[in-house]
Amino acid sequence: MLCNSLVRTDLSSVKWIQGPMRNTSSDKVTRVQYASLNFRDVMLATGKLAIETCGKTRLEQQCVLGFEFSGIYNNQRRVMGMIVGGALSTHVEIDEMLLWMFQKIGH
């Protein structure tokens, strides 16, 4: 599931949307536990920042809310990271250059 603004300029239209996962290897997927909604996201959702600043293709512009996240990677590692957009969701495809790992759960 992901979170997106259904109507630009209307913050009350931010909703959870169920959609398919992209075809990606499972070792690059992280289950999101926390994601931030920051100033950039509010500016995008209210239409004060052009959506074109967040992606070059229409596919990249579909879900852009969320930049930072923390979660569980490979069902055992706590991580925090950043992605271009779409971190406000239940799962994200990670960029290993922008991912920081913490201690294993239970240790």
Foldseek 3Di string as FASTA:
>chain_A
DFWAQPDALDPVRTDDDDDDDDPDDLQQKFFFDDFDFDPVNVCRRNVVDDLCVLDPDVVRSPFFTTFKTWGGGPNWWTKIFGDSGGSRHRMDGDDVVGMDTDDTPPD
